[in-house]
Amino acid sequence: MEQSLSHPEFRSPWRTATLVASSIAAIELVVLVVVGISLLAEPVARHVTRTAEAKEYAVTPKRRQRPRSAPRDSLAPRSR
């Protein structure tokens, strides 16, 4: 007859240690992501604002208009 190993006597202390270590690592990851976002948010926002202002207030050169050529005669004979 087979018996399962779920009995508390056969449980390894490594399983509990692994779950605790994984939980701590997940919490550290969340903290690092939040700190990284908060540190990068201000410089990135400043850069985006400066770029947008530079594009908005940029002086665009006026396009020179080419002189128009004389109109072609629409009734001119076509060469065949």
Protein backbone atom coordinates (compact mmCIF):
# COMPACT_ATOMS: atom_id res chain seq x y z
CA MET A 1 0.00 0.00 0.00
CA GLU A 2 1.32 3.42 -0.93
CA GLN A 3 1.45 6.32 1.49
CA SER A 4 1.75 9.97 0.62
CA LEU A 5 4.56 12.08 2.02
CA SER A 6 2.31 14.91 3.17
CA HIS A 7 2.66 13.91 6.76
CA PRO A 8 4.35 16.69 8.83
CA GLU A 9 7.20 14.39 9.83
CA PHE A 10 8.38 14.12 6.22
CA ARG A 11 8.15 17.81 5.43
CA SER A 12 11.47 19.41 4.74
CA PRO A 13 12.37 22.70 6.43
CA TRP A 14 13.75 23.78 3.05
CA ARG A 15 10.25 24.20 1.66
CA THR A 16 9.34 26.80 4.27
CA ALA A 17 12.68 28.55 3.88
CA THR A 18 12.20 28.68 0.11
CA LEU A 19 8.74 30.24 0.40
CA VAL A 20 10.00 32.85 2.88
CA ALA A 21 12.99 33.72 0.69
CA SER A 22 10.78 33.99 -2.41
CA SER A 23 8.34 36.27 -0.61
CA ILE A 24 11.13 38.54 0.58
CA ALA A 25 12.60 38.68 -2.93
CA ALA A 26 9.20 39.60 -4.40
CA ILE A 27 8.78 42.40 -1.87
CA GLU A 28 12.30 43.68 -2.62
CA LEU A 29 11.52 43.68 -6.34
CA VAL A 30 8.39 45.75 -5.82
CA VAL A 31 10.30 48.23 -3.64
CA LEU A 32 13.11 48.54 -6.20
CA VAL A 33 10.65 49.13 -9.05
CA VAL A 34 8.83 51.84 -7.08
CA VAL A 35 12.09 53.56 -6.11
CA GLY A 36 13.40 53.36 -9.68
CA ILE A 37 10.23 54.86 -11.12
CA SER A 38 10.21 57.65 -8.56
CA LEU A 39 13.86 58.51 -9.26
CA LEU A 40 13.47 58.47 -13.04
CA ALA A 41 10.08 60.17 -13.25
CA GLU A 42 11.25 63.73 -12.60
CA PRO A 43 14.20 63.85 -15.05
CA VAL A 44 12.17 62.17 -17.77
CA ALA A 45 9.27 64.57 -17.24
CA ARG A 46 11.63 67.55 -17.45
CA HIS A 47 13.16 66.24 -20.67
CA VAL A 48 9.75 65.63 -22.24
CA THR A 49 8.60 69.12 -21.24
CA ARG A 50 11.71 70.77 -22.68
CA THR A 51 11.41 68.84 -25.92
CA ALA A 52 7.74 69.72 -26.28
CA GLU A 53 8.41 73.38 -25.59
CA ALA A 54 11.29 73.42 -28.06
CA LYS A 55 9.07 71.96 -30.77
CA GLU A 56 6.18 74.28 -29.95
CA TYR A 57 8.18 77.49 -29.86
CA ALA A 58 10.65 76.63 -32.61
CA VAL A 59 11.04 79.17 -35.37
CA THR A 60 10.26 77.57 -38.67
CA PRO A 61 11.86 79.10 -41.73
CA LYS A 62 9.47 80.47 -44.29
CA ARG A 63 9.29 78.51 -47.48
CA ARG A 64 10.35 80.47 -50.49
CA GLN A 65 7.85 80.35 -53.25
CA ARG A 66 9.18 79.48 -56.63
CA PRO A 67 8.21 81.86 -59.38
CA ARG A 68 5.43 80.44 -61.42
CA SER A 69 6.21 79.55 -64.96
CA ALA A 70 4.11 80.88 -67.79
CA PRO A 71 0.91 78.88 -68.26
CA ARG A 72 1.03 76.34 -70.99
CA ASP A 73 -1.33 76.70 -73.86
CA SER A 74 -3.91 73.99 -73.41
CA LEU A 75 -4.79 74.07 -77.09
CA ALA A 76 -1.24 73.42 -78.31
CA PRO A 77 -1.04 70.64 -80.89
CA ARG A 78 0.35 67.33 -79.74
CA SER A 79 3.07 65.67 -81.65
CA ARG A 80 2.22 62.22 -82.87
